[in-house]
Structure formats: structure tokens, C-alpha cells
Amino acid sequence: MAIKAPSLQWDYGTAYELFASLLVLHTPDKFGIRPSFAAGVRSRIPPTERKLLEDVYPFTGLPLRWLHTLPAPKDAISALWALKQIPPAERVIKLPMLDDPAPYPSSDPEEAEKHKRWKEILLRVPAERKWKQEDAEYLQKLASKYENYKKDTITRFLDWWKQPEELGEGFLSALQSYYHSFFEEEEKRIEPALKAGLERAQALAPKMSVDDLFVELSQGVKLEDEFRVPKLIFAPTFWSTPLILFEKLQSDTMLILFGVRPPEMSVIPGEVVPDGLVRALKALADPTRLKILNYLAKEELAPSELARRLKLRAPTVTHHMSELRLAGLVNVLVQGSEKKYTARMEAVDTIHKNLKDFINASSE
């Protein structure tokens, strides 16, 4: 019996980008952004508020469900106003939408149990105004695969989380400072690209199957069980390109932010050389990654299979796959906790075209 294709809906608002850009600035390595640039933008925020964001933001995630509920125009200033209406003690607690019945799309029971425990900690710590050593140890275990999440990083987060009133006030103040020091102007720069990206996606939708549209908008992610729900809501994002950001709003609805940063634009304001082109050329300049693409052009492979063929450690292959994914050079099939990859050959042609266009462009 054929599976019914999901219905498509669209959303738009620069409020998504206010929070997405902060996530990128606090975890630049995950998005292929220069850490020095990210640190420079963060330095515009007053020191106390900057420290709060650095301690908390990598853990809270994006409040996609909350942002989706905001009324039009759903821009940054209206999001800050809506956030101010929430009592300080509830402000940051509500943003991750911890009452969400199914916030992460995973059919893996172990992953579901991890999220349940994580949710329980996030709810209990502010309610009791304290955290336990076992909380820190559990979060450390969950975050062990991420280099940025050391033990002291987790304890600093929990120290903030146990004082919800102070955190709520400081978090709003920090967001307001970020808006006035950087994002107010950035919003004007990126809004045309967001609108153009949404219009392009809406024009493609009637011409493509949902599966092909998903691959196109995600720049290489194949629509499999993790994302198969009756309703998909797409919204454009500039800063996280080429990666997607997603959240399961309800058991039958998934919200997906897809990257729309044009190849001729850089995430860094004023930068002439597009960072997407630089990232792609760096990815192709590595001999190991060229070998990987050679394998993936012939068949679909998991990182473990590539590791055996290349005689490399699994973490090394994972790093290479991350670089190839950020460069848009691979398709990825997500199956529970496993990923399988194929080469995205059309991206090679695009890189060649973008390189020629940049070299031939006017230097004035």
C-alpha cells in the first residue's frame, strides 16, 4: 500500500533567524562558520549578558514551536515583545516547549528515553532551585560526543538553570542587546534572500514530488521515516545554510527550516568571497574527502563502511562527512541513529559554475 504524501505548508519570519543566527554564533564549528567572526559578533554584547548566552544558549536549542505560534509579521522585534510578556521565571523554561509530546523525530527507543530524562532534568532543576551531581553526570554523558560540552560547561549551564527568575531577565536583556548591536541591521540584509528563497521553494513544490523537494530544500537530506509525518511546514533560514533545523510540533506535524543563503552571498556581512564557495573548495582540496566522494559516487555507504575501506578511525571519517555535508557535496539518508551517504554530483557542477561566476565577476 502506497504511503500518502504529506501535505505542505509554508511559514516565514525573521524571528526564526534571530534565534538561528545566535545558535550558529555559539556553535560555529557545526555550521562551518569562522570562530573568530562568531566571537567578534558576540563581543558586541555586554560582557555579563554575553557570558549568560555562552553558558546557556548551546543547551536550550531553538524555540521553533514557540516561534511558529507567533502572529505575523513574526519579525525579530515582535518576537522580543512576545518574549517580554512571559513572566521572567517562566521565560526560558517555556521556550524549549518542554511540554511538547514528541519534540524530536526519532524511532529509536533509546533516543526517546534520553530525551525523556533530559526533559525531566530541565523541568525539575528550576522547580527545586538546585541540581544534583547525577544531573551533571548524565548531561555530561549525553554531551560526550561534542567537544564543546565539557564538565565545567555543563555545571555553568545548570547553575543558571536553577535560578529561573534571574535567567529569564538576563536572557531577554541579552537578546535585546544582540538585536540592537547586530541583528537589527542584519535583518535588513538577509530579508530579501529569505523572501526569494521562500518564493523559489513554493514555485518548485508543484513541479516535484515531496521526496525530491525535501532533498532539494535540505540540500541533500533524503526524506525517510524520521521525517515522515502527515504535515510538513517549511520556513526559510539564511544563517544555518546548508543544514536544516527541525522540530516535531505535534505527532503529525514537522516544522523544518531550510537554508536559502544564495551561493554568491556570505554569512559574514561585507565579505566579498562567498563562504559557501570557500567551504566547498576546501572540502574538495582534501585527498581523503576526494576518495570518499569517489566511493560515494558508486554506492550508498555508512561512515563505518567508509572507515573500513579507508583504514581510518570512525571519528576521523565522521569529521570528513561533516565537512562534505557542510559543503553540500553529499546526500544523507537518516535511519534512526544511522546515516548513509551518496555523492551529490549536481553540487560539483554548481561549485564549478559558482567558481567561474566569482572569478569573472566585476571586482568593483
Protein backbone atom coordinates (compact mmCIF):
# COMPACT_ATOMS: atom_id res chain seq x y z
CA MET A 1 0.00 0.00 0.00
CA ALA A 2 1.44 3.35 -1.04
CA ILE A 3 2.22 5.89 1.68
CA LYS A 4 0.22 9.08 1.26
CA ALA A 5 2.40 12.09 0.56
CA PRO A 6 2.43 14.66 3.37
CA SER A 7 0.67 17.96 2.91
CA LEU A 8 2.88 21.03 2.64
CA GLN A 9 2.53 24.35 4.42
CA TRP A 10 4.81 27.38 4.49
CA ASP A 11 5.87 29.78 7.19
CA TYR A 12 8.02 32.89 7.19
CA GLY A 13 9.52 35.30 9.67
CA THR A 14 12.84 36.86 10.56
CA ALA A 15 12.13 35.91 14.18
CA TYR A 16 13.34 32.41 13.25
CA GLU A 17 16.58 33.96 12.07
CA LEU A 18 17.11 35.95 15.28
CA PHE A 19 17.39 32.69 17.22
CA ALA A 20 19.02 30.63 14.44
CA SER A 21 21.82 33.17 13.98
CA LEU A 22 22.56 33.06 17.71
CA LEU A 23 22.77 29.27 17.59
CA VAL A 24 25.26 29.48 14.72
CA LEU A 25 27.30 32.15 16.52
CA HIS A 26 27.54 29.97 19.65
CA THR A 27 28.32 26.72 17.80
CA PRO A 28 30.16 28.00 14.68
CA ASP A 29 32.10 24.79 14.04
CA LYS A 30 28.88 22.86 13.49
CA PHE A 31 27.86 25.26 10.73
CA GLY A 32 31.23 25.83 9.09
CA ILE A 33 31.45 29.45 10.24
CA ARG A 34 34.77 31.09 11.18
CA PRO A 35 35.00 31.00 15.01
CA SER A 36 36.86 34.34 15.06
CA PHE A 37 33.97 36.02 13.25
CA ALA A 38 31.42 34.45 15.60
CA ALA A 39 33.42 35.60 18.62
CA GLY A 40 33.64 39.10 17.17
CA VAL A 41 29.85 39.38 16.83
CA ARG A 42 29.31 38.01 20.33
CA SER A 43 31.78 40.57 21.70
CA ARG A 44 29.33 43.34 20.78
CA ILE A 45 27.02 42.09 23.54
CA PRO A 46 27.81 43.48 27.04
CA PRO A 47 30.09 41.08 28.99
CA THR A 48 27.59 39.87 31.62
CA GLU A 49 24.88 39.17 29.05
CA ARG A 50 27.38 37.65 26.64
CA LYS A 51 28.56 35.24 29.33
CA LEU A 52 24.98 34.21 30.08
CA LEU A 53 24.30 33.39 26.43
CA GLU A 54 27.55 31.48 26.08
CA ASP A 55 26.71 29.42 29.17
CA VAL A 56 23.08 28.72 28.27
CA TYR A 57 22.37 29.04 24.57
CA PRO A 58 24.12 25.90 23.25
CA PHE A 59 21.90 23.83 25.57
CA THR A 60 18.49 25.42 25.09
CA GLY A 61 18.13 24.83 21.39
CA LEU A 62 15.80 26.80 19.14
CA PRO A 63 12.26 27.62 20.30
CA LEU A 64 10.81 26.63 16.92
CA ARG A 65 7.43 25.63 18.27
CA TRP A 66 7.05 28.91 20.14
CA LEU A 67 8.21 30.93 17.14
CA HIS A 68 5.72 29.14 14.89
CA THR A 69 2.85 30.27 17.17
CA LEU A 70 3.78 33.96 16.89
CA PRO A 71 1.41 36.11 14.81
CA ALA A 72 2.50 37.99 11.70
CA PRO A 73 4.76 39.74 10.92
CA LYS A 74 6.82 37.34 13.03
CA ASP A 75 9.86 39.59 12.86
CA ALA A 76 12.61 39.95 15.46
CA ILE A 77 11.13 42.91 17.31
CA SER A 78 7.72 41.25 17.65
CA ALA A 79 9.38 38.09 18.98
CA LEU A 80 11.22 40.14 21.62
CA TRP A 81 7.94 41.84 22.58
CA ALA A 82 6.18 38.46 22.90
CA LEU A 83 9.04 37.11 24.99
CA LYS A 84 8.78 40.10 27.33
CA GLN A 85 5.12 39.21 28.03
CA ILE A 86 6.16 35.88 29.57
CA PRO A 87 6.86 36.11 33.33
CA PRO A 88 10.67 36.03 33.89
CA ALA A 89 10.61 32.78 35.90
CA GLU A 90 8.83 31.01 33.01
CA ARG A 91 10.58 32.73 30.14
CA VAL A 92 13.41 30.38 29.27
CA ILE A 93 11.63 27.31 30.61
CA LYS A 94 8.80 27.79 28.11
CA LEU A 95 10.96 28.43 25.10
CA PRO A 96 12.17 24.84 24.59
CA MET A 97 8.49 23.79 24.79
CA LEU A 98 9.17 21.03 27.25
CA ASP A 99 5.51 20.03 27.23
CA ASP A 100 5.86 19.01 23.58
CA PRO A 101 4.67 15.38 23.33
CA ALA A 102 7.16 14.45 20.61
CA PRO A 103 9.79 17.16 20.10
CA TYR A 104 12.41 15.08 18.36
CA PRO A 105 11.75 12.78 15.41
CA SER A 106 13.29 9.51 16.47
CA SER A 107 12.00 5.96 16.19
CA ASP A 108 14.89 4.80 18.37
CA PRO A 109 13.58 3.89 21.88
CA GLU A 110 16.98 4.64 23.40
CA GLU A 111 16.98 8.16 21.94
CA ALA A 112 13.42 8.70 23.13
CA GLU A 113 14.42 7.67 26.65
CA LYS A 114 17.39 10.05 26.57
CA HIS A 115 15.11 12.93 25.65
CA LYS A 116 12.65 11.98 28.40
CA ARG A 117 15.41 12.10 31.02
CA TRP A 118 16.80 15.37 29.62
CA LYS A 119 13.31 16.90 29.77
CA GLU A 120 12.84 15.73 33.34
CA ILE A 121 16.09 17.41 34.43
CA LEU A 122 15.21 20.68 32.70
CA LEU A 123 11.84 20.79 34.47
CA ARG A 124 12.97 19.66 37.92
CA VAL A 125 16.08 21.84 38.38
CA PRO A 126 14.29 25.23 38.20
CA ALA A 127 11.35 23.90 40.22
CA GLU A 128 13.63 22.80 43.08
CA ARG A 129 16.14 25.66 42.59
CA LYS A 130 19.01 23.16 42.71
CA TRP A 131 20.70 20.47 40.68
CA LYS A 132 22.22 17.13 41.65
CA GLN A 133 25.62 15.75 40.80
CA GLU A 134 23.90 12.92 38.93
CA ASP A 135 22.21 15.54 36.71
CA ALA A 136 25.57 16.93 35.65
CA GLU A 137 26.97 13.44 35.13
CA TYR A 138 24.01 12.43 32.96
CA LEU A 139 24.23 15.57 30.82
CA GLN A 140 27.97 15.05 30.52
CA LYS A 141 27.31 11.54 29.24
CA LEU A 142 24.78 12.82 26.70
CA ALA A 143 27.16 15.53 25.51
CA SER A 144 30.31 13.41 25.48
CA LYS A 145 30.48 13.33 21.67
CA TYR A 146 30.55 17.13 21.48
CA GLU A 147 33.95 18.68 22.14
CA ASN A 148 32.49 21.99 23.33
CA TYR A 149 30.45 20.46 26.16
CA LYS A 150 32.97 19.88 28.93
CA LYS A 151 32.10 19.23 32.58
CA ASP A 152 32.52 22.85 33.65
CA THR A 153 30.38 23.94 30.68
CA ILE A 154 27.53 21.78 31.92
CA THR A 155 27.81 22.92 35.54
CA ARG A 156 27.72 26.57 34.46
CA PHE A 157 24.55 25.87 32.50
CA LEU A 158 22.93 24.13 35.49
CA ASP A 159 23.94 26.99 37.80
CA TRP A 160 21.98 29.36 35.56
CA TRP A 161 19.10 26.96 35.08
CA LYS A 162 18.45 26.62 38.81
CA GLN A 163 17.67 30.36 39.10
CA PRO A 164 14.84 30.86 36.57
CA GLU A 165 13.89 34.45 37.52
CA GLU A 166 17.43 35.78 37.09
CA LEU A 167 17.92 33.70 33.95
CA GLY A 168 14.65 34.92 32.43
CA GLU A 169 15.50 38.58 32.99
CA GLY A 170 19.08 38.20 31.83
CA PHE A 171 18.14 36.15 28.76
CA LEU A 172 15.69 38.75 27.47
CA SER A 173 18.17 41.56 28.15
CA ALA A 174 20.88 39.64 26.28
CA LEU A 175 18.61 39.06 23.27
CA GLN A 176 17.70 42.74 23.20
CA SER A 177 21.39 43.69 23.29
CA TYR A 178 22.15 41.27 20.47
CA TYR A 179 19.31 42.71 18.42
CA HIS A 180 20.42 46.32 18.83
CA SER A 181 24.16 45.62 18.47
CA PHE A 182 23.98 43.36 15.41
CA PHE A 183 20.75 41.75 14.29
CA GLU A 184 18.73 44.91 13.63
CA GLU A 185 20.95 45.69 10.62
CA GLU A 186 21.50 42.04 9.73
CA GLU A 187 17.74 41.54 9.48
CA LYS A 188 17.60 44.13 6.68
CA ARG A 189 20.49 42.49 4.82
CA ILE A 190 19.12 38.95 4.81
CA GLU A 191 15.37 39.55 4.43
CA PRO A 192 15.47 39.76 0.60
CA ALA A 193 17.29 36.40 0.46
CA LEU A 194 14.75 34.83 2.83
CA LYS A 195 11.82 36.03 0.74
CA ALA A 196 13.46 34.93 -2.52
CA GLY A 197 14.25 31.51 -1.05
CA LEU A 198 10.66 31.02 0.08
CA GLU A 199 9.30 32.06 -3.32
CA ARG A 200 11.66 29.67 -5.09
CA ALA A 201 10.63 26.78 -2.83
CA GLN A 202 6.94 27.50 -3.34
CA ALA A 203 7.47 27.59 -7.12
CA LEU A 204 9.28 24.22 -7.04
CA ALA A 205 6.67 22.47 -4.90
CA PRO A 206 4.06 21.83 -7.65
CA LYS A 207 6.74 20.53 -10.02
CA MET A 208 8.40 17.96 -7.72
CA SER A 209 7.47 15.04 -5.51
CA VAL A 210 7.64 15.74 -1.79
CA ASP A 211 10.67 13.46 -1.52
CA ASP A 212 12.56 15.31 -4.24
CA LEU A 213 11.52 18.69 -2.84
CA PHE A 214 12.80 17.67 0.59
CA VAL A 215 16.19 16.71 -0.87
CA GLU A 216 16.34 19.99 -2.82
CA LEU A 217 15.42 22.27 0.09
CA SER A 218 17.59 20.42 2.61
CA GLN A 219 20.49 20.33 0.14
CA GLY A 220 20.94 16.61 0.40
CA VAL A 221 18.81 15.08 3.18
CA LYS A 222 16.56 12.24 1.99
CA LEU A 223 13.05 12.06 3.38
CA GLU A 224 12.87 8.87 5.41
CA ASP A 225 10.95 7.56 8.41
CA GLU A 226 12.37 10.14 10.81
CA PHE A 227 10.66 12.92 8.87
CA ARG A 228 7.57 11.14 7.51
CA VAL A 229 4.56 12.82 9.07
CA PRO A 230 1.21 13.83 7.54
CA LYS A 231 2.11 17.54 7.54
CA LEU A 232 5.37 19.30 6.73
CA ILE A 233 5.83 23.02 7.37
CA PHE A 234 8.78 24.66 5.62
CA ALA A 235 10.29 28.01 6.60
CA PRO A 236 13.42 29.65 5.13
CA THR A 237 16.60 30.37 7.09
CA PHE A 238 19.75 32.20 5.97
CA TRP A 239 22.29 31.63 8.70
CA SER A 240 22.15 27.85 9.06
CA THR A 241 22.54 27.11 5.32
CA PRO A 242 23.10 24.36 4.14
CA LEU A 243 21.89 22.49 7.23
CA ILE A 244 18.25 22.08 8.24
CA LEU A 245 16.77 22.83 11.65
CA PHE A 246 13.65 20.96 12.65
CA GLU A 247 11.21 20.18 15.40
CA LYS A 248 8.17 17.94 15.66
CA LEU A 249 5.39 20.33 16.64
CA GLN A 250 2.79 17.62 17.13
CA SER A 251 2.65 13.90 16.43
CA ASP A 252 1.51 14.63 12.86
CA THR A 253 3.38 17.87 12.11
CA MET A 254 7.04 18.69 11.48
CA LEU A 255 8.49 22.18 11.15
CA ILE A 256 11.65 22.36 9.03
CA LEU A 257 13.86 25.40 8.50
CA PHE A 258 15.70 25.05 5.18
CA GLY A 259 18.73 27.04 4.09
CA VAL A 260 18.30 29.76 1.45
CA ARG A 261 21.59 31.66 1.56
CA PRO A 262 22.47 32.33 -2.11
CA PRO A 263 25.81 30.95 -3.34
CA GLU A 264 27.03 34.46 -4.12
CA MET A 265 26.41 35.71 -0.55
CA SER A 266 28.49 35.21 2.57
CA VAL A 267 27.15 34.78 6.06
CA ILE A 268 29.69 37.45 7.06
CA PRO A 269 28.35 40.94 6.27
CA GLY A 270 30.62 42.78 3.85
CA GLU A 271 32.60 39.68 2.87
CA VAL A 272 33.16 39.58 -0.91
CA VAL A 273 34.13 35.92 -1.22
CA PRO A 274 31.09 33.65 -0.63
CA ASP A 275 31.78 31.34 2.30
CA GLY A 276 29.88 28.51 0.61
CA LEU A 277 32.35 28.56 -2.28
CA VAL A 278 35.35 28.63 0.06
CA ARG A 279 33.94 25.78 2.12
CA ALA A 280 33.32 23.66 -0.98
CA LEU A 281 36.81 24.24 -2.38
CA LYS A 282 38.40 23.38 0.97
CA ALA A 283 36.35 20.19 1.11
CA LEU A 284 37.46 19.18 -2.38
CA ALA A 285 41.11 20.02 -1.68
CA ASP A 286 41.47 17.17 0.83
CA PRO A 287 42.64 13.84 -0.70
CA THR A 288 40.72 11.71 1.79
CA ARG A 289 37.48 13.52 1.02
CA LEU A 290 38.10 13.06 -2.70
CA LYS A 291 38.49 9.32 -2.09
CA ILE A 292 35.24 9.33 -0.10
CA LEU A 293 33.40 11.07 -2.95
CA ASN A 294 34.81 8.53 -5.37
CA TYR A 295 33.31 5.70 -3.30
CA LEU A 296 30.02 7.52 -2.75
CA ALA A 297 29.60 8.25 -6.46
CA LYS A 298 29.27 4.49 -6.99
CA GLU A 299 27.18 3.35 -4.00
CA GLU A 300 25.49 4.37 -0.76
CA LEU A 301 27.73 3.83 2.28
CA ALA A 302 27.66 4.38 6.03
CA PRO A 303 30.62 6.04 7.81
CA SER A 304 31.56 2.69 9.37
CA GLU A 305 31.87 1.13 5.91
CA LEU A 306 33.96 4.05 4.70
CA ALA A 307 36.20 3.75 7.74
CA ARG A 308 36.96 0.12 6.89
CA ARG A 309 37.75 0.89 3.26
CA LEU A 310 39.91 3.87 4.08
CA LYS A 311 41.51 2.21 7.13
CA LEU A 312 40.64 5.23 9.26
CA ARG A 313 39.15 5.67 12.71
CA ALA A 314 35.39 6.26 12.77
CA PRO A 315 35.67 9.77 14.33
CA THR A 316 38.01 10.81 11.50
CA VAL A 317 35.50 9.69 8.88
CA THR A 318 32.69 11.41 10.76
CA HIS A 319 34.67 14.65 10.64
CA HIS A 320 35.18 14.30 6.87
CA MET A 321 31.47 13.57 6.34
CA SER A 322 30.57 16.67 8.30
CA GLU A 323 32.80 18.78 6.06
CA LEU A 324 31.30 17.24 2.93
CA ARG A 325 27.77 17.80 4.22
CA LEU A 326 28.51 21.45 5.06
CA ALA A 327 29.84 21.85 1.52
CA GLY A 328 26.62 20.35 0.11
CA LEU A 329 28.57 17.56 -1.61
CA VAL A 330 26.70 14.55 -0.22
CA ASN A 331 23.18 13.26 0.14
CA VAL A 332 22.41 11.82 3.57
CA LEU A 333 19.81 9.21 4.43
CA VAL A 334 18.86 9.30 8.13
CA GLN A 335 17.68 5.96 9.53
CA GLY A 336 17.35 6.15 13.31
CA SER A 337 20.83 6.73 14.69
CA GLU A 338 22.49 5.60 11.43
CA LYS A 339 23.31 7.73 8.41
CA LYS A 340 24.14 6.62 4.90
CA TYR A 341 25.65 8.83 2.23
CA THR A 342 25.87 9.16 -1.54
CA ALA A 343 27.73 11.75 -3.61
CA ARG A 344 25.70 14.79 -4.66
CA MET A 345 27.13 15.09 -8.14
CA GLU A 346 24.98 18.05 -9.16
CA ALA A 347 26.72 20.02 -6.41
CA VAL A 348 30.08 19.54 -8.15
CA ASP A 349 28.66 21.20 -11.27
CA THR A 350 27.23 24.02 -9.15
CA ILE A 351 30.58 24.63 -7.45
CA HIS A 352 32.29 24.81 -10.83
CA LYS A 353 29.73 27.36 -12.05
CA ASN A 354 29.95 29.42 -8.84
CA LEU A 355 33.74 29.49 -9.08
CA LYS A 356 33.64 30.68 -12.71
CA ASP A 357 30.99 33.29 -11.85
CA PHE A 358 33.06 34.65 -8.96
CA ILE A 359 36.32 34.79 -10.95
CA ASN A 360 34.59 36.56 -13.83
CA ALA A 361 32.59 38.94 -11.65
CA SER A 362 33.43 42.63 -11.53
CA SER A 363 35.89 43.48 -8.76
CA GLU A 364 34.44 46.96 -8.27
